[in-house]
C-alpha atoms as a PDB file:
ATOM      1  CA  MET A   1     119.128  17.670 157.244  1.00  0.00           C
ATOM      2  CA  LEU A   2     121.358  19.120 154.681  1.00  0.00           C
ATOM      3  CA  GLU A   3     124.873  19.819 155.119  1.00  0.00           C
ATOM      4  CA  GLY A   4     125.654  23.613 155.831  1.00  0.00           C
ATOM      5  CA  ASN A   5     128.117  23.998 153.194  1.00  0.00           C
ATOM      6  CA  ARG A   6     125.241  23.470 150.792  1.00  0.00           C
ATOM      7  CA  VAL A   7     123.376  26.289 152.004  1.00  0.00           C
ATOM      8  CA  SER A   8     126.768  28.485 152.000  1.00  0.00           C
ATOM      9  CA  ARG A   9     127.108  27.777 148.301  1.00  0.00           C
ATOM     10  CA  ILE A  10     124.356  29.919 146.825  1.00  0.00           C
ATOM     11  CA  SER A  11     125.947  31.625 143.933  1.00  0.00           C
ATOM     12  CA  VAL A  12     126.366  35.361 143.237  1.00  0.00           C
ATOM     13  CA  ARG A  13     126.452  36.627 140.069  1.00  0.00           C
ATOM     14  CA  GLY A  14     129.135  38.947 140.258  1.00  0.00           C
ATOM     15  CA  PHE A  15     130.006  41.796 142.382  1.00  0.00           C
ATOM     16  CA  ALA A  16     127.629  44.444 140.598  1.00  0.00           C
ATOM     17  CA  VAL A  17     124.397  42.380 141.601  1.00  0.00           C
ATOM     18  CA  ALA A  18     125.388  41.632 145.130  1.00  0.00           C
ATOM     19  CA  SER A  19     122.009  42.677 146.380  1.00  0.00           C
ATOM     20  CA  ALA A  20     119.955  40.521 144.129  1.00  0.00           C
ATOM     21  CA  THR A  21     121.991  37.710 145.052  1.00  0.00           C
ATOM     22  CA  ALA A  22     121.323  38.279 149.006  1.00  0.00           C
ATOM     23  CA  VAL A  23     117.698  38.123 148.059  1.00  0.00           C
ATOM     24  CA  THR A  24     118.322  34.844 146.035  1.00  0.00           C
ATOM     25  CA  ALA A  25     120.253  33.231 148.950  1.00  0.00           C
ATOM     26  CA  VAL A  26     117.532  33.951 151.471  1.00  0.00           C
ATOM     27  CA  GLY A  27     114.982  32.323 149.122  1.00  0.00           C
ATOM     28  CA  SER A  28     117.262  29.361 148.834  1.00  0.00           C
ATOM     29  CA  VAL A  29     117.557  28.777 152.420  1.00  0.00           C
ATOM     30  CA  VAL A  30     113.748  29.003 152.871  1.00  0.00           C
ATOM     31  CA  GLY A  31     113.263  26.428 150.161  1.00  0.00           C
ATOM     32  CA  VAL A  32     116.059  24.189 151.988  1.00  0.00           C
ATOM     33  CA  ALA A  33     114.060  24.406 155.285  1.00  0.00           C
ATOM     34  CA  SER A  34     110.794  23.349 153.760  1.00  0.00           C
ATOM     35  CA  GLY A  35     112.377  20.235 151.987  1.00  0.00           C
ATOM     36  CA  SER A  36     112.766  21.449 148.491  1.00  0.00           C
ATOM     37  CA  THR A  37     115.475  19.268 147.106  1.00  0.00           C
ATOM     38  CA  ALA A  38     114.940  21.095 143.410  1.00  0.00           C
ATOM     39  CA  GLN A  39     115.997  24.477 144.762  1.00  0.00           C
ATOM     40  CA  ASN A  40     118.993  23.005 146.422  1.00  0.00           C
ATOM     41  CA  ASN A  41     120.099  21.235 143.432  1.00  0.00           C
ATOM     42  CA  ASP A  42     119.906  24.308 141.332  1.00  0.00           C
ATOM     43  CA  ALA A  43     121.927  26.104 143.793  1.00  0.00           C
ATOM     44  CA  GLU A  44     124.455  23.559 143.625  1.00  0.00           C
ATOM     45  CA  ALA A  45     124.604  23.780 139.634  1.00  0.00           C
ATOM     46  CA  THR A  46     124.899  27.186 139.576  1.00  0.00           C
ATOM     47  CA  ALA A  47     127.748  27.463 142.120  1.00  0.00           C
ATOM     48  CA  ALA A  48     129.818  25.310 139.735  1.00  0.00           C
ATOM     49  CA  GLY A  49     130.685  28.067 137.316  1.00  0.00           C
ATOM     50  CA  THR A  50     130.294  31.275 139.658  1.00  0.00           C
ATOM     51  CA  THR A  51     131.783  33.302 142.366  1.00  0.00           C
ATOM     52  CA  LEU A  52     130.574  31.956 145.760  1.00  0.00           C
ATOM     53  CA  LEU A  53     129.377  34.141 148.828  1.00  0.00           C
ATOM     54  CA  ALA A  54     131.571  32.058 150.916  1.00  0.00           C
ATOM     55  CA  ASP A  55     134.580  32.415 148.726  1.00  0.00           C
ATOM     56  CA  ILE A  56     134.358  36.294 148.995  1.00  0.00           C
ATOM     57  CA  PRO A  57     136.420  37.595 151.924  1.00  0.00           C
ATOM     58  CA  ALA A  58     134.279  39.611 154.795  1.00  0.00           C
ATOM     59  CA  GLY A  59     135.826  42.756 153.716  1.00  0.00           C
ATOM     60  CA  GLN A  60     135.184  42.318 149.984  1.00  0.00           C
ATOM     61  CA  GLN A  61     131.515  41.538 150.830  1.00  0.00           C
ATOM     62  CA  ALA A  62     131.476  44.830 152.619  1.00  0.00           C
ATOM     63  CA  GLN A  63     132.832  46.671 149.704  1.00  0.00           C
ATOM     64  CA  VAL A  64     130.582  44.994 147.224  1.00  0.00           C
ATOM     65  CA  GLN A  65     127.403  46.038 149.423  1.00  0.00           C
ATOM     66  CA  THR A  66     128.724  49.552 149.751  1.00  0.00           C
ATOM     67  CA  ALA A  67     129.160  49.657 145.984  1.00  0.00           C
ATOM     68  CA  SER A  68     125.571  48.351 145.616  1.00  0.00           C
ATOM     69  CA  LEU A  69     124.097  50.882 147.751  1.00  0.00           C
ATOM     70  CA  THR A  70     126.337  53.533 146.181  1.00  0.00           C
ATOM     71  CA  GLN A  71     124.956  52.682 142.695  1.00  0.00           C
ATOM     72  CA  GLN A  72     121.382  52.857 144.204  1.00  0.00           C
ATOM     73  CA  ALA A  73     121.619  56.129 145.514  1.00  0.00           C
ATOM     74  CA  ASP A  74     123.394  57.322 142.132  1.00  0.00           C
ATOM     75  CA  VAL A  75     120.035  55.998 140.345  1.00  0.00           C
ATOM     76  CA  GLN A  76     117.905  57.915 142.863  1.00  0.00           C
ATOM     77  CA  ALA A  77     119.832  60.951 142.512  1.00  0.00           C
ATOM     78  CA  ILE A  78     119.559  60.845 138.639  1.00  0.00           C
ATOM     79  CA  ALA A  79     115.640  60.258 138.915  1.00  0.00           C
ATOM     80  CA  ALA A  80     115.398  63.095 141.392  1.00  0.00           C
ATOM     81  CA  ASP A  81     117.501  65.378 139.020  1.00  0.00           C
ATOM     82  CA  ALA A  82     115.117  64.690 136.136  1.00  0.00           C
ATOM     83  CA  SER A  83     112.194  65.150 138.134  1.00  0.00           C
ATOM     84  CA  ALA A  84     113.410  68.750 139.358  1.00  0.00           C
ATOM     85  CA  LYS A  85     114.251  69.682 135.579  1.00  0.00           C
ATOM     86  CA  LYS A  86     110.685  68.503 134.462  1.00  0.00           C
ATOM     87  CA  ASP A  87     109.250  70.601 137.259  1.00  0.00           C
ATOM     88  CA  ALA A  88     111.503  73.538 136.598  1.00  0.00           C
ATOM     89  CA  GLU A  89     110.528  73.383 132.796  1.00  0.00           C
ATOM     90  CA  GLU A  90     107.088  73.278 133.614  1.00  0.00           C
ATOM     91  CA  ALA A  91     107.248  76.258 136.070  1.00  0.00           C
ATOM     92  CA  ALA A  92     109.068  78.188 133.346  1.00  0.00           C
ATOM     93  CA  ARG A  93     106.291  77.323 130.537  1.00  0.00           C
ATOM     94  CA  LYS A  94     103.570  78.457 133.236  1.00  0.00           C
ATOM     95  CA  ALA A  95     105.309  81.706 133.935  1.00  0.00           C
ATOM     96  CA  ALA A  96     105.794  82.518 130.210  1.00  0.00           C
ATOM     97  CA  ALA A  97     102.242  81.871 129.619  1.00  0.00           C
ATOM     98  CA  GLU A  98     101.004  84.113 132.614  1.00  0.00           C
ATOM     99  CA  THR A  99     103.378  86.698 131.125  1.00  0.00           C
ATOM    100  CA  ALA A 100     102.083  86.561 127.726  1.00  0.00           C
ATOM    101  CA  ILE A 101      98.365  86.935 129.372  1.00  0.00           C
ATOM    102  CA  ALA A 102      99.343  89.804 131.150  1.00  0.00           C
ATOM    103  CA  LYS A 103     100.883  91.609 128.413  1.00  0.00           C
ATOM    104  CA  LYS A 104      98.016  91.093 126.030  1.00  0.00           C
ATOM    105  CA  GLU A 105      95.716  92.229 128.981  1.00  0.00           C
ATOM    106  CA  ALA A 106      97.874  95.351 129.254  1.00  0.00           C
ATOM    107  CA  ALA A 107      97.909  95.951 125.537  1.00  0.00           C
ATOM    108  CA  GLU A 108      94.200  95.583 125.329  1.00  0.00           C
ATOM    109  CA  LYS A 109      93.579  97.813 128.258  1.00  0.00           C
ATOM    110  CA  ALA A 110      95.968 100.439 126.572  1.00  0.00           C
ATOM    111  CA  ALA A 111      93.957 100.362 123.395  1.00  0.00           C
ATOM    112  CA  ARG A 112      90.562 100.653 125.080  1.00  0.00           C
ATOM    113  CA  GLU A 113      91.924 103.840 126.750  1.00  0.00           C
ATOM    114  CA  ALA A 114      93.172 105.251 123.730  1.00  0.00           C
ATOM    115  CA  LYS A 115      89.937 104.782 122.025  1.00  0.00           C
ATOM    116  CA  GLU A 116      88.078 106.201 124.881  1.00  0.00           C
ATOM    117  CA  ARG A 117      90.353 109.326 124.796  1.00  0.00           C
ATOM    118  CA  ALA A 118      90.059 109.590 120.916  1.00  0.00           C
ATOM    119  CA  GLU A 119      86.057 109.319 121.300  1.00  0.00           C
ATOM    120  CA  ALA A 120      85.967 111.907 124.095  1.00  0.00           C
ATOM    121  CA  LYS A 121      88.179 114.283 122.002  1.00  0.00           C
ATOM    122  CA  ALA A 122      85.871 113.699 118.866  1.00  0.00           C
ATOM    123  CA  ALA A 123      82.681 114.442 121.216  1.00  0.00           C
ATOM    124  CA  ALA A 124      84.453 117.650 122.605  1.00  0.00           C
ATOM    125  CA  SER A 125      85.065 118.812 118.991  1.00  0.00           C
ATOM    126  CA  ARG A 126      81.843 117.958 117.825  1.00  0.00           C
ATOM    127  CA  ASP A 127      80.377 119.872 120.828  1.00  0.00           C
ATOM    128  CA  ALA A 128      82.484 122.947 119.795  1.00  0.00           C
ATOM    129  CA  ASP A 129      81.486 122.924 116.473  1.00  0.00           C
ATOM    130  CA  ARG A 130      77.542 122.825 117.488  1.00  0.00           C
ATOM    131  CA  SER A 131      78.391 125.661 119.942  1.00  0.00           C
ATOM    132  CA  THR A 132      79.759 127.761 117.059  1.00  0.00           C
ATOM    133  CA  ASN A 133      76.359 127.307 115.303  1.00  0.00           C
ATOM    134  CA  VAL A 134      73.818 128.546 118.068  1.00  0.00           C
ATOM    135  CA  ASP A 135      72.368 131.959 117.545  1.00  0.00           C
ATOM    136  CA  VAL A 136      70.707 134.070 119.635  1.00  0.00           C
ATOM    137  CA  ALA A 137      69.185 137.444 119.195  1.00  0.00           C
ATOM    138  CA  VAL A 138      71.471 140.186 119.763  1.00  0.00           C
ATOM    139  CA  LYS A 139      70.253 142.395 122.883  1.00  0.00           C
ATOM    140  CA  SER A 140      71.403 145.596 124.348  1.00  0.00           C
ATOM    141  CA  SER A 141      71.944 143.895 127.624  1.00  0.00           C
ATOM    142  CA  TYR A 142      71.767 140.248 129.132  1.00  0.00           C
ATOM    143  CA  THR A 143      71.012 138.967 132.620  1.00  0.00           C
ATOM    144  CA  ILE A 144      72.938 136.320 134.263  1.00  0.00           C
ATOM    145  CA  ALA A 145      70.349 133.718 133.620  1.00  0.00           C
ATOM    146  CA  GLU A 146      70.351 134.280 130.074  1.00  0.00           C
ATOM    147  CA  ILE A 147      74.017 134.128 129.499  1.00  0.00           C
ATOM    148  CA  GLN A 148      74.155 130.856 131.863  1.00  0.00           C
ATOM    149  CA  ALA A 149      71.464 129.447 129.698  1.00  0.00           C
ATOM    150  CA  MET A 150      73.497 130.407 126.348  1.00  0.00           C
ATOM    151  CA  ALA A 151      76.551 128.401 128.052  1.00  0.00           C
ATOM    152  CA  ARG A 152      74.387 125.566 128.694  1.00  0.00           C
ATOM    153  CA  GLN A 153      73.780 125.422 124.868  1.00  0.00           C
ATOM    154  CA  MET A 154      77.352 125.283 123.983  1.00  0.00           C
ATOM    155  CA  VAL A 155      79.298 123.647 126.976  1.00  0.00           C
ATOM    156  CA  PRO A 156      78.997 119.719 127.274  1.00  0.00           C
ATOM    157  CA  SER A 157      76.961 118.826 130.323  1.00  0.00           C
ATOM    158  CA  GLY A 158      79.726 116.786 131.877  1.00  0.00           C
ATOM    159  CA  GLN A 159      81.911 119.918 131.710  1.00  0.00           C
ATOM    160  CA  PHE A 160      79.745 122.855 132.739  1.00  0.00           C
ATOM    161  CA  GLN A 161      80.121 123.020 136.321  1.00  0.00           C
ATOM    162  CA  CYS A 162      83.756 123.314 135.602  1.00  0.00           C
ATOM    163  CA  PHE A 163      83.118 126.170 133.114  1.00  0.00           C
ATOM    164  CA  SER A 164      80.945 127.861 135.333  1.00  0.00           C
ATOM    165  CA  ASN A 165      83.307 127.831 138.290  1.00  0.00           C
ATOM    166  CA  ILE A 166      85.912 129.618 136.235  1.00  0.00           C
ATOM    167  CA  VAL A 167      83.442 132.207 135.044  1.00  0.00           C
ATOM    168  CA  ASP A 168      82.350 132.755 138.599  1.00  0.00           C
ATOM    169  CA  HIS A 169      85.845 133.327 139.826  1.00  0.00           C
ATOM    170  CA  GLU A 170      86.891 135.667 136.842  1.00  0.00           C
ATOM    171  CA  SER A 171      83.787 137.973 136.335  1.00  0.00           C
ATOM    172  CA  ASP A 172      80.551 136.796 138.350  1.00  0.00           C
ATOM    173  CA  TRP A 173      78.897 136.152 134.866  1.00  0.00           C
ATOM    174  CA  ASN A 174      79.516 139.979 134.158  1.00  0.00           C
ATOM    175  CA  TYR A 175      80.310 139.973 130.215  1.00  0.00           C
ATOM    176  CA  ARG A 176      80.968 143.735 130.730  1.00  0.00           C
ATOM    177  CA  ALA A 177      83.724 143.393 133.704  1.00  0.00           C
ATOM    178  CA  VAL A 178      86.658 145.429 133.358  1.00  0.00           C
ATOM    179  CA  ASN A 179      89.986 144.762 135.496  1.00  0.00           C
ATOM    180  CA  PRO A 180      90.854 148.261 136.545  1.00  0.00           C
ATOM    181  CA  SER A 181      94.568 147.543 136.499  1.00  0.00           C
ATOM    182  CA  SER A 182      95.210 145.264 133.792  1.00  0.00           C
ATOM    183  CA  GLY A 183      92.379 145.965 131.460  1.00  0.00           C
ATOM    184  CA  ALA A 184      91.215 142.263 131.201  1.00  0.00           C
ATOM    185  CA  TYR A 185      87.806 142.153 129.882  1.00  0.00           C
ATOM    186  CA  GLY A 186      84.419 140.020 129.861  1.00  0.00           C
ATOM    187  CA  LEU A 187      83.537 136.773 131.289  1.00  0.00           C
ATOM    188  CA  PHE A 188      86.842 134.976 131.014  1.00  0.00           C
ATOM    189  CA  GLN A 189      88.947 138.283 131.987  1.00  0.00           C
ATOM    190  CA  ALA A 190      90.742 137.778 128.402  1.00  0.00           C
ATOM    191  CA  LEU A 191      93.870 140.232 128.340  1.00  0.00           C
ATOM    192  CA  PRO A 192      93.812 141.720 126.194  1.00  0.00           C
ATOM    193  CA  GLY A 193      90.144 141.670 125.638  1.00  0.00           C
ATOM    194  CA  SER A 194      90.702 142.148 121.949  1.00  0.00           C
ATOM    195  CA  LYS A 195      91.757 138.665 121.358  1.00  0.00           C
ATOM    196  CA  MET A 196      88.043 137.534 121.470  1.00  0.00           C
ATOM    197  CA  SER A 197      87.641 139.543 118.081  1.00  0.00           C
ATOM    198  CA  SER A 198      88.938 136.074 116.493  1.00  0.00           C
ATOM    199  CA  VAL A 199      85.238 134.767 117.238  1.00  0.00           C
ATOM    200  CA  GLY A 200      83.596 137.856 116.559  1.00  0.00           C
ATOM    201  CA  ALA A 201      83.683 141.613 116.244  1.00  0.00           C
ATOM    202  CA  ASP A 202      81.240 142.174 118.850  1.00  0.00           C
ATOM    203  CA  TRP A 203      83.364 140.548 121.544  1.00  0.00           C
ATOM    204  CA  GLN A 204      82.240 143.823 124.002  1.00  0.00           C
ATOM    205  CA  THR A 205      78.807 143.570 123.799  1.00  0.00           C
ATOM    206  CA  ASN A 206      77.636 139.786 123.097  1.00  0.00           C
ATOM    207  CA  PRO A 207      78.087 137.359 125.801  1.00  0.00           C
ATOM    208  CA  MET A 208      77.742 134.651 123.080  1.00  0.00           C
ATOM    209  CA  THR A 209      80.799 135.578 121.527  1.00  0.00           C
ATOM    210  CA  GLN A 210      82.701 135.571 124.609  1.00  0.00           C
ATOM    211  CA  ILE A 211      81.181 131.997 125.648  1.00  0.00           C
ATOM    212  CA  LYS A 212      82.557 130.706 122.277  1.00  0.00           C
ATOM    213  CA  TRP A 213      86.007 132.244 122.771  1.00  0.00           C
ATOM    214  CA  GLY A 214      86.189 131.125 126.044  1.00  0.00           C
ATOM    215  CA  LEU A 215      85.476 127.366 125.303  1.00  0.00           C
ATOM    216  CA  ASN A 216      87.695 127.104 122.631  1.00  0.00           C
ATOM    217  CA  TYR A 217      90.379 128.580 124.580  1.00  0.00           C
ATOM    218  CA  MET A 218      89.918 125.976 127.418  1.00  0.00           C
ATOM    219  CA  ASN A 219      89.620 123.304 125.164  1.00  0.00           C
ATOM    220  CA  GLU A 220      92.705 124.021 122.918  1.00  0.00           C
ATOM    221  CA  ARG A 221      95.035 125.108 125.968  1.00  0.00           C
ATOM    222  CA  TYR A 222      94.124 122.393 128.588  1.00  0.00           C
ATOM    223  CA  GLY A 223      92.024 120.053 126.654  1.00  0.00           C
ATOM    224  CA  SER A 224      88.731 120.639 128.442  1.00  0.00           C
ATOM    225  CA  PRO A 225      86.910 123.091 130.912  1.00  0.00           C
ATOM    226  CA  CYS A 226      87.380 120.544 133.691  1.00  0.00           C
ATOM    227  CA  ASP A 227      91.225 120.040 133.023  1.00  0.00           C
ATOM    228  CA  ALA A 228      91.298 124.103 132.989  1.00  0.00           C
ATOM    229  CA  TRP A 229      89.474 124.336 136.056  1.00  0.00           C
ATOM    230  CA  SER A 230      92.047 121.911 137.805  1.00  0.00           C
ATOM    231  CA  PHE A 231      94.898 124.370 136.753  1.00  0.00           C
ATOM    232  CA  TRP A 232      93.051 127.364 137.962  1.00  0.00           C
ATOM    233  CA  GLN A 233      92.598 125.595 141.455  1.00  0.00           C
ATOM    234  CA  ALA A 234      96.146 124.926 141.471  1.00  0.00           C
ATOM    235  CA  ASN A 235      97.505 128.372 140.259  1.00  0.00           C
ATOM    236  CA  ASN A 236      94.494 130.856 140.888  1.00  0.00           C
ATOM    237  CA  TRP A 237      94.662 131.440 137.188  1.00  0.00           C
ATOM    238  CA  TYR A 238      94.428 129.779 133.889  1.00  0.00           C
END
C-alpha cells in the first residue's frame, strides 16, 4: 500500500482553480486505489513545483473554496443578466411590432370610413340632383298618395322613412297646411313659407316644389333626412 503522504501531495494549481483541483485530487486517489502507479508518479512530479493542498492551512482552504463559489455565483449572475436583457429586448421588439400593426390597422380603418362617408355624401348629392329634374304635371290639387309618390321619386330609399316621419309630424302631408299662430306653411311648415321660393315660385300650390325645398334643407342643415329626424326626436323641431 502507498504511503499516505503521496496521496496528500496532489497538487493544487493556484487558489483560483481550487474546485478543479479538488476533482483532480479525487481522481488521483481513485487511481492509487486501483494500483495505477503512473498517476501517482505524475502527481509527485507536479507537486515539486506547485503549492500543495496539504501545505495550505485549513482556514485558507475554506477561503479558497469560498472564493471559488463566489466566482461561480458571479458567472451565473452575469449569465442571468444577459438572458434577462435578451428577453427584455425581444419583448420590446414584439411590443413595437404590435403597436405598429395596431396603428396601421387604425389608419386603414379611418381611411375606409372617410371613403365611405365621401361616397355616401356623393350619392346623396347625386340623388338631390336627380330630384330637381323630376317633372310632374301641375294640378289644382293633390292627394296624399300622389304627394308621397313624388317624395319617393326624390328621396333616397334608405332615407324616405325618416323624411316621411318629419312630414307626418309637421303637416300630415298637407301641402297647404298653415300654422295659425306663426304662419308656418306647407309640408315642412317652413317659416316664413316664402323661403321655399328659392326652389320655385309655385311653392304655395306645388307639393313637388315643397318636397325639393324640404329635402335640400335637411341635407344642407343636418346632412340627411335621418339626421334631421334624430334632431327632431330630441328637440321636437328641426
